[in-house]
């Protein structure tokens, strides 16, 4: 039976409904830090969250620790591989990638205590469609760049004598050479993306919003390439623009994997297909090479086509397209995380 008195008692003793306070994405619960001594302002930007400078410092120190440890483990293994195949196998990009991954795990999961999606590495960000989009975008961008050079008479194909091995052997064919190039460029592009569009983007966005993340990662990306052979103010400016473009891929797709493959495809097409320098570094490939001549500001000179006005023109167009409704539809591969 219905008990009216019991219902009245329930009504009198019911607690008021409280609406939970919204929490910033990836923030640590403030209740864990009740005492002021637990969160001095010079150390913490908010309760439980280190300031950006200390997060980046911790990440950098972790890299300094992990790099020699990783090298001591992987260098002998790559030495064995080199002796087995009869030629040097590049260990540096893999050593650096392993060190960056270890530092990233420590920074994200231990120090910051945030999920992988904070660095665009969460579930769904590695979908084939998203990755294919990044791969095709990078390949198309550098192809249009070289087409612009060809159209202006600044580039042409020239046959070269084979210096990679005797004619008819496997070592001087395109496929093994292209694979060797990929084994260098793929890990190099990945560790750069993990650092710039991954952790640095996460810290900058948390500290000052997405605009700061765009600028900080692009400028840092351009600055780190200053020491490459043939680098100058103009090439650094163009590489900085490339940083904005890769940031747009990361932002529009929500996938660091897409930015990585766009980065890798751009570099690999230059080295393995077009046979031109990549960021001032040349890779020996059989059969032919693309000879680039003309004003350095347009062709990129010793740096390669990615440091010239043709690349600047193509990347500027791509960046503007990504901001338009049609471009946003093109980029509509964002994973739902």
C-alpha atoms as a PDB file:
ATOM      1  CA  UNK A   1       0.000   0.000   0.000  1.00  0.00           C
ATOM      2  CA  UNK A   2       0.951   3.594  -0.450  1.00  0.00           C
ATOM      3  CA  UNK A   3       2.357   5.026   2.811  1.00  0.00           C
ATOM      4  CA  UNK A   4       1.805   8.788   2.810  1.00  0.00           C
ATOM      5  CA  UNK A   5       3.738   9.355   6.038  1.00  0.00           C
ATOM      6  CA  UNK A   6       6.743   7.516   4.699  1.00  0.00           C
ATOM      7  CA  UNK A   7       6.568   9.623   1.558  1.00  0.00           C
ATOM      8  CA  UNK A   8       6.469  12.766   3.670  1.00  0.00           C
ATOM      9  CA  UNK A   9       9.514  11.610   5.636  1.00  0.00           C
ATOM     10  CA  UNK A  10      11.402  11.043   2.413  1.00  0.00           C
ATOM     11  CA  UNK A  11      10.472  14.489   1.202  1.00  0.00           C
ATOM     12  CA  UNK A  12      11.658  16.129   4.413  1.00  0.00           C
ATOM     13  CA  UNK A  13      14.981  14.320   4.533  1.00  0.00           C
ATOM     14  CA  UNK A  14      15.863  14.513   0.833  1.00  0.00           C
ATOM     15  CA  UNK A  15      19.057  16.416   0.097  1.00  0.00           C
ATOM     16  CA  UNK A  16      19.044  19.229  -2.491  1.00  0.00           C
ATOM     17  CA  UNK A  17      20.395  18.300  -5.911  1.00  0.00           C
ATOM     18  CA  UNK A  18      23.832  19.811  -6.581  1.00  0.00           C
ATOM     19  CA  UNK A  19      25.064  20.492 -10.087  1.00  0.00           C
ATOM     20  CA  UNK A  20      28.691  19.367 -10.538  1.00  0.00           C
ATOM     21  CA  UNK A  21      31.162  22.101 -11.290  1.00  0.00           C
ATOM     22  CA  UNK A  22      32.621  21.880 -14.809  1.00  0.00           C
ATOM     23  CA  UNK A  23      36.234  20.662 -14.883  1.00  0.00           C
ATOM     24  CA  UNK A  24      38.793  21.747 -17.459  1.00  0.00           C
ATOM     25  CA  UNK A  25      39.719  19.063 -19.962  1.00  0.00           C
ATOM     26  CA  UNK A  26      42.457  16.790 -18.640  1.00  0.00           C
ATOM     27  CA  UNK A  27      42.629  18.768 -15.355  1.00  0.00           C
ATOM     28  CA  UNK A  28      43.426  17.020 -12.084  1.00  0.00           C
ATOM     29  CA  UNK A  29      40.679  17.241  -9.490  1.00  0.00           C
ATOM     30  CA  UNK A  30      41.266  20.330  -7.286  1.00  0.00           C
ATOM     31  CA  UNK A  31      40.066  18.396  -4.213  1.00  0.00           C
ATOM     32  CA  UNK A  32      43.332  16.503  -4.256  1.00  0.00           C
ATOM     33  CA  UNK A  33      45.144  19.732  -3.386  1.00  0.00           C
ATOM     34  CA  UNK A  34      43.431  21.294  -0.406  1.00  0.00           C
ATOM     35  CA  UNK A  35      46.351  22.968   1.360  1.00  0.00           C
ATOM     36  CA  UNK A  36      47.959  26.104  -0.152  1.00  0.00           C
ATOM     37  CA  UNK A  37      51.364  24.543   0.495  1.00  0.00           C
ATOM     38  CA  UNK A  38      50.511  21.783  -1.972  1.00  0.00           C
ATOM     39  CA  UNK A  39      50.357  24.199  -4.888  1.00  0.00           C
ATOM     40  CA  UNK A  40      52.751  27.177  -4.811  1.00  0.00           C
ATOM     41  CA  UNK A  41      51.985  29.527  -7.704  1.00  0.00           C
ATOM     42  CA  UNK A  42      55.551  29.609  -9.003  1.00  0.00           C
ATOM     43  CA  UNK A  43      55.324  25.833  -9.532  1.00  0.00           C
ATOM     44  CA  UNK A  44      51.676  25.183 -10.358  1.00  0.00           C
ATOM     45  CA  UNK A  45      49.485  26.940 -12.895  1.00  0.00           C
ATOM     46  CA  UNK A  46      46.447  25.386 -11.205  1.00  0.00           C
ATOM     47  CA  UNK A  47      45.978  22.803  -8.464  1.00  0.00           C
ATOM     48  CA  UNK A  48      47.818  19.694  -9.492  1.00  0.00           C
ATOM     49  CA  UNK A  49      49.086  21.040 -12.826  1.00  0.00           C
ATOM     50  CA  UNK A  50      52.690  22.185 -13.239  1.00  0.00           C
ATOM     51  CA  UNK A  51      53.345  25.399 -15.131  1.00  0.00           C
ATOM     52  CA  UNK A  52      54.243  25.053 -18.796  1.00  0.00           C
ATOM     53  CA  UNK A  53      57.912  25.909 -18.256  1.00  0.00           C
ATOM     54  CA  UNK A  54      58.329  23.118 -15.691  1.00  0.00           C
ATOM     55  CA  UNK A  55      56.452  20.598 -17.829  1.00  0.00           C
ATOM     56  CA  UNK A  56      58.713  21.342 -20.788  1.00  0.00           C
ATOM     57  CA  UNK A  57      61.792  21.290 -18.555  1.00  0.00           C
ATOM     58  CA  UNK A  58      60.833  17.870 -17.212  1.00  0.00           C
ATOM     59  CA  UNK A  59      60.270  16.603 -20.754  1.00  0.00           C
ATOM     60  CA  UNK A  60      63.669  17.940 -21.855  1.00  0.00           C
ATOM     61  CA  UNK A  61      65.467  16.422 -18.870  1.00  0.00           C
ATOM     62  CA  UNK A  62      63.777  13.096 -19.544  1.00  0.00           C
ATOM     63  CA  UNK A  63      65.081  13.222 -23.113  1.00  0.00           C
ATOM     64  CA  UNK A  64      68.593  13.905 -21.863  1.00  0.00           C
ATOM     65  CA  UNK A  65      68.392  10.872 -19.585  1.00  0.00           C
ATOM     66  CA  UNK A  66      66.734   8.492 -22.035  1.00  0.00           C
ATOM     67  CA  UNK A  67      68.897   9.338 -25.067  1.00  0.00           C
ATOM     68  CA  UNK A  68      72.200   7.798 -23.821  1.00  0.00           C
ATOM     69  CA  UNK A  69      70.373   4.870 -22.253  1.00  0.00           C
ATOM     70  CA  UNK A  70      68.553   4.131 -25.499  1.00  0.00           C
ATOM     71  CA  UNK A  71      71.730   4.569 -27.521  1.00  0.00           C
ATOM     72  CA  UNK A  72      73.610   2.082 -25.324  1.00  0.00           C
ATOM     73  CA  UNK A  73      70.912  -0.499 -26.024  1.00  0.00           C
ATOM     74  CA  UNK A  74      70.077   0.118 -29.694  1.00  0.00           C
ATOM     75  CA  UNK A  75      73.457   1.115 -31.147  1.00  0.00           C
ATOM     76  CA  UNK A  76      74.955  -2.402 -30.786  1.00  0.00           C
ATOM     77  CA  UNK A  77      71.814  -3.890 -32.352  1.00  0.00           C
ATOM     78  CA  UNK A  78      72.078  -1.611 -35.356  1.00  0.00           C
ATOM     79  CA  UNK A  79      75.758  -2.490 -35.599  1.00  0.00           C
ATOM     80  CA  UNK A  80      74.796  -6.152 -35.911  1.00  0.00           C
ATOM     81  CA  UNK A  81      72.192  -5.261 -38.537  1.00  0.00           C
ATOM     82  CA  UNK A  82      74.737  -3.236 -40.513  1.00  0.00           C
ATOM     83  CA  UNK A  83      77.189  -6.136 -40.580  1.00  0.00           C
ATOM     84  CA  UNK A  84      74.404  -8.521 -41.582  1.00  0.00           C
ATOM     85  CA  UNK A  85      73.288  -6.469 -44.597  1.00  0.00           C
ATOM     86  CA  UNK A  86      76.778  -5.333 -45.539  1.00  0.00           C
ATOM     87  CA  UNK A  87      76.120  -1.583 -45.324  1.00  0.00           C
ATOM     88  CA  UNK A  88      75.451   1.013 -42.611  1.00  0.00           C
ATOM     89  CA  UNK A  89      71.939   1.065 -41.167  1.00  0.00           C
ATOM     90  CA  UNK A  90      71.033   4.452 -39.712  1.00  0.00           C
ATOM     91  CA  UNK A  91      70.481   4.132 -35.978  1.00  0.00           C
ATOM     92  CA  UNK A  92      70.141   7.800 -34.969  1.00  0.00           C
ATOM     93  CA  UNK A  93      66.479   8.373 -35.982  1.00  0.00           C
ATOM     94  CA  UNK A  94      65.365   5.193 -34.230  1.00  0.00           C
ATOM     95  CA  UNK A  95      67.371   5.984 -31.093  1.00  0.00           C
ATOM     96  CA  UNK A  96      65.881   9.478 -30.982  1.00  0.00           C
ATOM     97  CA  UNK A  97      62.356   8.174 -31.636  1.00  0.00           C
ATOM     98  CA  UNK A  98      62.632   5.651 -28.813  1.00  0.00           C
ATOM     99  CA  UNK A  99      63.936   8.328 -26.437  1.00  0.00           C
ATOM    100  CA  UNK A 100      61.122  10.726 -27.376  1.00  0.00           C
ATOM    101  CA  UNK A 101      58.477   8.033 -26.876  1.00  0.00           C
ATOM    102  CA  UNK A 102      59.876   7.193 -23.429  1.00  0.00           C
ATOM    103  CA  UNK A 103      59.977  10.873 -22.448  1.00  0.00           C
ATOM    104  CA  UNK A 104      56.450  11.388 -23.785  1.00  0.00           C
ATOM    105  CA  UNK A 105      55.081   8.485 -21.750  1.00  0.00           C
ATOM    106  CA  UNK A 106      56.705   9.908 -18.620  1.00  0.00           C
ATOM    107  CA  UNK A 107      55.493  13.451 -19.319  1.00  0.00           C
ATOM    108  CA  UNK A 108      51.913  12.651 -20.296  1.00  0.00           C
ATOM    109  CA  UNK A 109      51.065   9.689 -18.121  1.00  0.00           C
ATOM    110  CA  UNK A 110      53.161  10.318 -14.990  1.00  0.00           C
ATOM    111  CA  UNK A 111      53.828  14.057 -14.671  1.00  0.00           C
ATOM    112  CA  UNK A 112      50.745  15.556 -16.371  1.00  0.00           C
ATOM    113  CA  UNK A 113      48.461  12.561 -15.759  1.00  0.00           C
ATOM    114  CA  UNK A 114      46.439  13.218 -18.908  1.00  0.00           C
ATOM    115  CA  UNK A 115      45.037  10.798 -21.499  1.00  0.00           C
ATOM    116  CA  UNK A 116      46.716  10.150 -24.837  1.00  0.00           C
ATOM    117  CA  UNK A 117      44.154  12.306 -26.638  1.00  0.00           C
ATOM    118  CA  UNK A 118      45.842  15.347 -25.071  1.00  0.00           C
ATOM    119  CA  UNK A 119      48.577  14.787 -27.674  1.00  0.00           C
ATOM    120  CA  UNK A 120      46.153  13.698 -30.447  1.00  0.00           C
ATOM    121  CA  UNK A 121      47.162  10.072 -29.900  1.00  0.00           C
ATOM    122  CA  UNK A 122      43.968   8.700 -28.439  1.00  0.00           C
ATOM    123  CA  UNK A 123      41.608   6.015 -29.616  1.00  0.00           C
ATOM    124  CA  UNK A 124      40.390   6.562 -33.177  1.00  0.00           C
ATOM    125  CA  UNK A 125      43.259   8.818 -34.217  1.00  0.00           C
ATOM    126  CA  UNK A 126      44.931   5.969 -36.134  1.00  0.00           C
ATOM    127  CA  UNK A 127      41.999   5.106 -38.380  1.00  0.00           C
ATOM    128  CA  UNK A 128      43.089   4.122 -41.916  1.00  0.00           C
ATOM    129  CA  UNK A 129      41.006   6.887 -43.498  1.00  0.00           C
ATOM    130  CA  UNK A 130      42.630   9.575 -41.381  1.00  0.00           C
ATOM    131  CA  UNK A 131      46.131   8.222 -41.992  1.00  0.00           C
ATOM    132  CA  UNK A 132      45.563   7.881 -45.745  1.00  0.00           C
ATOM    133  CA  UNK A 133      44.358  11.466 -45.844  1.00  0.00           C
ATOM    134  CA  UNK A 134      47.586  12.714 -44.247  1.00  0.00           C
ATOM    135  CA  UNK A 135      49.727  10.563 -46.536  1.00  0.00           C
ATOM    136  CA  UNK A 136      48.034  11.783 -49.734  1.00  0.00           C
ATOM    137  CA  UNK A 137      48.032  15.391 -48.551  1.00  0.00           C
ATOM    138  CA  UNK A 138      51.785  15.456 -47.959  1.00  0.00           C
ATOM    139  CA  UNK A 139      52.557  13.718 -51.259  1.00  0.00           C
ATOM    140  CA  UNK A 140      50.250  16.031 -53.217  1.00  0.00           C
ATOM    141  CA  UNK A 141      51.701  19.180 -51.643  1.00  0.00           C
ATOM    142  CA  UNK A 142      55.312  18.440 -52.592  1.00  0.00           C
ATOM    143  CA  UNK A 143      54.228  17.220 -56.037  1.00  0.00           C
ATOM    144  CA  UNK A 144      52.494  20.542 -56.728  1.00  0.00           C
ATOM    145  CA  UNK A 145      55.618  22.330 -55.479  1.00  0.00           C
ATOM    146  CA  UNK A 146      57.901  20.563 -57.960  1.00  0.00           C
ATOM    147  CA  UNK A 147      55.325  20.957 -60.758  1.00  0.00           C
ATOM    148  CA  UNK A 148      55.518  24.714 -60.146  1.00  0.00           C
ATOM    149  CA  UNK A 149      59.313  24.511 -60.483  1.00  0.00           C
ATOM    150  CA  UNK A 150      59.052  22.488 -63.691  1.00  0.00           C
ATOM    151  CA  UNK A 151      56.456  24.900 -65.115  1.00  0.00           C
ATOM    152  CA  UNK A 152      58.803  27.853 -64.565  1.00  0.00           C
ATOM    153  CA  UNK A 153      61.798  26.024 -66.062  1.00  0.00           C
ATOM    154  CA  UNK A 154      63.538  25.730 -62.703  1.00  0.00           C
ATOM    155  CA  UNK A 155      63.636  21.918 -62.567  1.00  0.00           C
ATOM    156  CA  UNK A 156      64.374  19.059 -64.951  1.00  0.00           C
ATOM    157  CA  UNK A 157      65.208  15.350 -64.798  1.00  0.00           C
ATOM    158  CA  UNK A 158      68.797  14.285 -65.438  1.00  0.00           C
ATOM    159  CA  UNK A 159      70.126  10.720 -65.747  1.00  0.00           C
ATOM    160  CA  UNK A 160      73.061   9.859 -63.486  1.00  0.00           C
ATOM    161  CA  UNK A 161      75.577   7.026 -63.443  1.00  0.00           C
ATOM    162  CA  UNK A 162      74.781   4.408 -60.819  1.00  0.00           C
ATOM    163  CA  UNK A 163      77.050   4.646 -57.788  1.00  0.00           C
ATOM    164  CA  UNK A 164      75.117   2.364 -55.474  1.00  0.00           C
ATOM    165  CA  UNK A 165      76.385  -0.963 -56.815  1.00  0.00           C
ATOM    166  CA  UNK A 166      77.093  -2.962 -59.933  1.00  0.00           C
ATOM    167  CA  UNK A 167      74.487  -2.865 -62.676  1.00  0.00           C
ATOM    168  CA  UNK A 168      71.960  -5.690 -62.286  1.00  0.00           C
ATOM    169  CA  UNK A 169      72.402  -6.162 -58.533  1.00  0.00           C
ATOM    170  CA  UNK A 170      69.610  -5.553 -56.051  1.00  0.00           C
ATOM    171  CA  UNK A 171      71.509  -2.764 -54.302  1.00  0.00           C
ATOM    172  CA  UNK A 172      71.200  -0.364 -57.219  1.00  0.00           C
ATOM    173  CA  UNK A 173      67.485  -0.830 -57.871  1.00  0.00           C
ATOM    174  CA  UNK A 174      64.894   1.735 -56.832  1.00  0.00           C
ATOM    175  CA  UNK A 175      62.798  -0.291 -54.367  1.00  0.00           C
ATOM    176  CA  UNK A 176      65.585  -1.228 -51.871  1.00  0.00           C
ATOM    177  CA  UNK A 177      66.935   2.328 -52.027  1.00  0.00           C
ATOM    178  CA  UNK A 178      63.481   3.805 -51.443  1.00  0.00           C
ATOM    179  CA  UNK A 179      62.983   1.454 -48.492  1.00  0.00           C
ATOM    180  CA  UNK A 180      66.309   2.505 -46.950  1.00  0.00           C
ATOM    181  CA  UNK A 181      65.267   6.141 -47.273  1.00  0.00           C
ATOM    182  CA  UNK A 182      61.905   5.381 -45.651  1.00  0.00           C
ATOM    183  CA  UNK A 183      63.669   3.677 -42.725  1.00  0.00           C
ATOM    184  CA  UNK A 184      65.411   6.978 -42.030  1.00  0.00           C
ATOM    185  CA  UNK A 185      62.676   9.491 -42.818  1.00  0.00           C
ATOM    186  CA  UNK A 186      59.714   7.723 -41.172  1.00  0.00           C
ATOM    187  CA  UNK A 187      61.123   7.645 -37.591  1.00  0.00           C
ATOM    188  CA  UNK A 188      62.625  11.126 -38.014  1.00  0.00           C
ATOM    189  CA  UNK A 189      59.256  12.592 -39.034  1.00  0.00           C
ATOM    190  CA  UNK A 190      57.493  10.722 -36.224  1.00  0.00           C
ATOM    191  CA  UNK A 191      59.744  11.939 -33.412  1.00  0.00           C
ATOM    192  CA  UNK A 192      59.494  15.512 -34.702  1.00  0.00           C
ATOM    193  CA  UNK A 193      55.704  15.288 -34.702  1.00  0.00           C
ATOM    194  CA  UNK A 194      55.613  13.724 -31.243  1.00  0.00           C
ATOM    195  CA  UNK A 195      57.699  16.614 -29.923  1.00  0.00           C
ATOM    196  CA  UNK A 196      56.130  19.559 -31.772  1.00  0.00           C
ATOM    197  CA  UNK A 197      52.543  18.687 -32.709  1.00  0.00           C
ATOM    198  CA  UNK A 198      52.374  16.251 -29.796  1.00  0.00           C
ATOM    199  CA  UNK A 199      53.752  17.357 -26.437  1.00  0.00           C
ATOM    200  CA  UNK A 200      54.637  20.984 -27.193  1.00  0.00           C
ATOM    201  CA  UNK A 201      51.189  21.531 -28.732  1.00  0.00           C
ATOM    202  CA  UNK A 202      49.526  19.970 -25.679  1.00  0.00           C
ATOM    203  CA  UNK A 203      51.441  22.157 -23.221  1.00  0.00           C
ATOM    204  CA  UNK A 204      51.008  25.365 -25.249  1.00  0.00           C
ATOM    205  CA  UNK A 205      47.290  24.802 -25.792  1.00  0.00           C
ATOM    206  CA  UNK A 206      46.774  24.115 -22.105  1.00  0.00           C
ATOM    207  CA  UNK A 207      48.723  27.254 -21.170  1.00  0.00           C
ATOM    208  CA  UNK A 208      47.304  29.749 -23.668  1.00  0.00           C
ATOM    209  CA  UNK A 209      44.824  28.187 -26.056  1.00  0.00           C
ATOM    210  CA  UNK A 210      44.982  26.838 -29.576  1.00  0.00           C
ATOM    211  CA  UNK A 211      46.367  30.087 -31.081  1.00  0.00           C
ATOM    212  CA  UNK A 212      49.437  29.861 -28.846  1.00  0.00           C
ATOM    213  CA  UNK A 213      49.803  26.183 -29.765  1.00  0.00           C
ATOM    214  CA  UNK A 214      49.800  27.024 -33.490  1.00  0.00           C
ATOM    215  CA  UNK A 215      52.425  29.738 -33.174  1.00  0.00           C
ATOM    216  CA  UNK A 216      54.655  28.076 -30.582  1.00  0.00           C
ATOM    217  CA  UNK A 217      54.891  24.772 -32.453  1.00  0.00           C
ATOM    218  CA  UNK A 218      55.400  26.374 -35.868  1.00  0.00           C
ATOM    219  CA  UNK A 219      58.129  28.774 -34.693  1.00  0.00           C
ATOM    220  CA  UNK A 220      59.908  26.036 -32.725  1.00  0.00           C
ATOM    221  CA  UNK A 221      59.684  23.723 -35.740  1.00  0.00           C
ATOM    222  CA  UNK A 222      61.318  26.343 -37.955  1.00  0.00           C
ATOM    223  CA  UNK A 223      63.980  27.177 -35.370  1.00  0.00           C
ATOM    224  CA  UNK A 224      65.089  23.568 -34.879  1.00  0.00           C
ATOM    225  CA  UNK A 225      65.936  23.317 -38.601  1.00  0.00           C
ATOM    226  CA  UNK A 226      68.310  26.302 -38.547  1.00  0.00           C
ATOM    227  CA  UNK A 227      71.338  24.038 -38.029  1.00  0.00           C
ATOM    228  CA  UNK A 228      70.604  21.939 -41.128  1.00  0.00           C
ATOM    229  CA  UNK A 229      72.977  22.321 -44.119  1.00  0.00           C
ATOM    230  CA  UNK A 230      72.050  25.259 -46.345  1.00  0.00           C
ATOM    231  CA  UNK A 231      69.580  26.775 -43.888  1.00  0.00           C
ATOM    232  CA  UNK A 232      68.965  30.511 -43.919  1.00  0.00           C
ATOM    233  CA  UNK A 233      66.363  33.068 -42.912  1.00  0.00           C
ATOM    234  CA  UNK A 234      64.220  32.405 -45.973  1.00  0.00           C
ATOM    235  CA  UNK A 235      64.248  28.620 -45.650  1.00  0.00           C
ATOM    236  CA  UNK A 236      63.521  28.943 -41.926  1.00  0.00           C
ATOM    237  CA  UNK A 237      60.496  31.116 -42.691  1.00  0.00           C
ATOM    238  CA  UNK A 238      59.200  28.549 -45.191  1.00  0.00           C
ATOM    239  CA  UNK A 239      59.747  25.668 -42.746  1.00  0.00           C
ATOM    240  CA  UNK A 240      57.887  27.684 -40.102  1.00  0.00           C
ATOM    241  CA  UNK A 241      54.969  27.902 -42.531  1.00  0.00           C
ATOM    242  CA  UNK A 242      55.229  24.129 -42.942  1.00  0.00           C
ATOM    243  CA  UNK A 243      54.846  23.926 -39.159  1.00  0.00           C
ATOM    244  CA  UNK A 244      51.580  25.870 -39.409  1.00  0.00           C
ATOM    245  CA  UNK A 245      50.387  23.495 -42.144  1.00  0.00           C
ATOM    246  CA  UNK A 246      51.206  20.387 -40.111  1.00  0.00           C
ATOM    247  CA  UNK A 247      49.495  22.010 -37.143  1.00  0.00           C
ATOM    248  CA  UNK A 248      46.401  22.515 -39.299  1.00  0.00           C
ATOM    249  CA  UNK A 249      46.420  18.808 -40.185  1.00  0.00           C
ATOM    250  CA  UNK A 250      46.682  17.897 -36.511  1.00  0.00           C
ATOM    251  CA  UNK A 251      43.974  20.375 -35.534  1.00  0.00           C
ATOM    252  CA  UNK A 252      41.486  19.561 -38.305  1.00  0.00           C
ATOM    253  CA  UNK A 253      41.804  15.771 -38.127  1.00  0.00           C
ATOM    254  CA  UNK A 254      42.503  15.461 -34.413  1.00  0.00           C
ATOM    255  CA  UNK A 255      45.186  12.934 -35.298  1.00  0.00           C
ATOM    256  CA  UNK A 256      48.906  13.214 -34.773  1.00  0.00           C
ATOM    257  CA  UNK A 257      49.239  10.183 -37.025  1.00  0.00           C
ATOM    258  CA  UNK A 258      47.817  12.154 -39.947  1.00  0.00           C
ATOM    259  CA  UNK A 259      50.317  14.980 -39.365  1.00  0.00           C
ATOM    260  CA  UNK A 260      53.147  12.442 -39.152  1.00  0.00           C
ATOM    261  CA  UNK A 261      52.263  10.770 -42.452  1.00  0.00           C
ATOM    262  CA  UNK A 262      51.821  14.131 -44.181  1.00  0.00           C
ATOM    263  CA  UNK A 263      55.303  15.070 -42.932  1.00  0.00           C
ATOM    264  CA  UNK A 264      56.781  11.723 -43.930  1.00  0.00           C
ATOM    265  CA  UNK A 265      55.162  11.657 -47.384  1.00  0.00           C
ATOM    266  CA  UNK A 266      56.453  15.164 -48.169  1.00  0.00           C
ATOM    267  CA  UNK A 267      60.019  14.165 -47.276  1.00  0.00           C
ATOM    268  CA  UNK A 268      59.936  10.701 -48.831  1.00  0.00           C
ATOM    269  CA  UNK A 269      58.592  11.900 -52.193  1.00  0.00           C
ATOM    270  CA  UNK A 270      61.408  14.445 -52.344  1.00  0.00           C
ATOM    271  CA  UNK A 271      64.107  11.901 -51.542  1.00  0.00           C
ATOM    272  CA  UNK A 272      62.869   8.651 -53.117  1.00  0.00           C
ATOM    273  CA  UNK A 273      60.782   9.867 -56.068  1.00  0.00           C
ATOM    274  CA  UNK A 274      62.166  13.267 -57.036  1.00  0.00           C
ATOM    275  CA  UNK A 275      65.745  12.676 -55.827  1.00  0.00           C
ATOM    276  CA  UNK A 276      66.221  16.177 -54.417  1.00  0.00           C
ATOM    277  CA  UNK A 277      67.683  17.277 -51.037  1.00  0.00           C
ATOM    278  CA  UNK A 278      65.477  17.068 -47.948  1.00  0.00           C
ATOM    279  CA  UNK A 279      66.065  19.910 -45.496  1.00  0.00           C
ATOM    280  CA  UNK A 280      69.602  20.301 -46.861  1.00  0.00           C
ATOM    281  CA  UNK A 281      70.415  16.568 -46.724  1.00  0.00           C
ATOM    282  CA  UNK A 282      70.883  14.479 -49.863  1.00  0.00           C
ATOM    283  CA  UNK A 283      70.043  10.786 -50.205  1.00  0.00           C
ATOM    284  CA  UNK A 284      71.804   8.727 -52.850  1.00  0.00           C
ATOM    285  CA  UNK A 285      69.287   7.192 -55.241  1.00  0.00           C
ATOM    286  CA  UNK A 286      69.883   5.303 -58.524  1.00  0.00           C
ATOM    287  CA  UNK A 287      68.976   6.184 -62.081  1.00  0.00           C
ATOM    288  CA  UNK A 288      68.206   9.902 -62.192  1.00  0.00           C
ATOM    289  CA  UNK A 289      67.935  13.085 -60.212  1.00  0.00           C
ATOM    290  CA  UNK A 290      65.871  16.250 -60.370  1.00  0.00           C
ATOM    291  CA  UNK A 291      68.152  19.184 -61.084  1.00  0.00           C
ATOM    292  CA  UNK A 292      66.839  22.452 -59.653  1.00  0.00           C
ATOM    293  CA  UNK A 293      68.267  25.719 -60.947  1.00  0.00           C
ATOM    294  CA  UNK A 294      67.312  29.335 -60.556  1.00  0.00           C
ATOM    295  CA  UNK A 295      66.938  31.962 -57.860  1.00  0.00           C
ATOM    296  CA  UNK A 296      67.362  30.445 -54.398  1.00  0.00           C
ATOM    297  CA  UNK A 297      64.339  32.308 -53.065  1.00  0.00           C
ATOM    298  CA  UNK A 298      62.176  30.406 -55.569  1.00  0.00           C
ATOM    299  CA  UNK A 299      63.879  26.996 -55.769  1.00  0.00           C
ATOM    300  CA  UNK A 300      65.208  26.594 -52.215  1.00  0.00           C
ATOM    301  CA  UNK A 301      68.809  26.166 -53.418  1.00  0.00           C
ATOM    302  CA  UNK A 302      70.912  23.694 -51.439  1.00  0.00           C
ATOM    303  CA  UNK A 303      68.153  23.294 -48.900  1.00  0.00           C
ATOM    304  CA  UNK A 304      65.824  21.710 -51.425  1.00  0.00           C
ATOM    305  CA  UNK A 305      62.468  22.685 -52.971  1.00  0.00           C
ATOM    306  CA  UNK A 306      60.744  22.750 -49.567  1.00  0.00           C
ATOM    307  CA  UNK A 307      62.714  25.883 -48.692  1.00  0.00           C
ATOM    308  CA  UNK A 308      61.746  28.006 -51.688  1.00  0.00           C
ATOM    309  CA  UNK A 309      58.979  30.268 -52.905  1.00  0.00           C
ATOM    310  CA  UNK A 310      57.263  27.480 -54.825  1.00  0.00           C
ATOM    311  CA  UNK A 311      56.740  25.538 -51.578  1.00  0.00           C
ATOM    312  CA  UNK A 312      55.668  28.724 -49.818  1.00  0.00           C
ATOM    313  CA  UNK A 313      53.057  29.324 -52.537  1.00  0.00           C
ATOM    314  CA  UNK A 314      51.661  25.780 -52.345  1.00  0.00           C
ATOM    315  CA  UNK A 315      51.605  25.648 -48.538  1.00  0.00           C
ATOM    316  CA  UNK A 316      49.993  29.083 -48.279  1.00  0.00           C
ATOM    317  CA  UNK A 317      47.259  27.947 -50.641  1.00  0.00           C
ATOM    318  CA  UNK A 318      46.720  24.750 -48.654  1.00  0.00           C
ATOM    319  CA  UNK A 319      46.583  26.672 -45.373  1.00  0.00           C
ATOM    320  CA  UNK A 320      44.045  29.139 -46.769  1.00  0.00           C
ATOM    321  CA  UNK A 321      41.973  26.274 -48.186  1.00  0.00           C
ATOM    322  CA  UNK A 322      41.865  24.588 -44.786  1.00  0.00           C
ATOM    323  CA  UNK A 323      40.220  27.723 -43.380  1.00  0.00           C
ATOM    324  CA  UNK A 324      37.402  27.789 -45.981  1.00  0.00           C
ATOM    325  CA  UNK A 325      34.151  25.791 -45.823  1.00  0.00           C
ATOM    326  CA  UNK A 326      35.236  23.619 -48.767  1.00  0.00           C
ATOM    327  CA  UNK A 327      38.568  22.997 -47.088  1.00  0.00           C
ATOM    328  CA  UNK A 328      36.889  22.120 -43.814  1.00  0.00           C
ATOM    329  CA  UNK A 329      34.828  19.508 -45.635  1.00  0.00           C
ATOM    330  CA  UNK A 330      38.047  18.161 -47.166  1.00  0.00           C
ATOM    331  CA  UNK A 331      39.539  17.895 -43.690  1.00  0.00           C
ATOM    332  CA  UNK A 332      36.424  16.233 -42.294  1.00  0.00           C
ATOM    333  CA  UNK A 333      38.194  13.078 -41.298  1.00  0.00           C
ATOM    334  CA  UNK A 334      38.388  14.023 -37.624  1.00  0.00           C
ATOM    335  CA  UNK A 335      38.139  11.006 -35.396  1.00  0.00           C
ATOM    336  CA  UNK A 336      35.531  10.985 -32.670  1.00  0.00           C
ATOM    337  CA  UNK A 337      37.429  10.765 -29.399  1.00  0.00           C
END
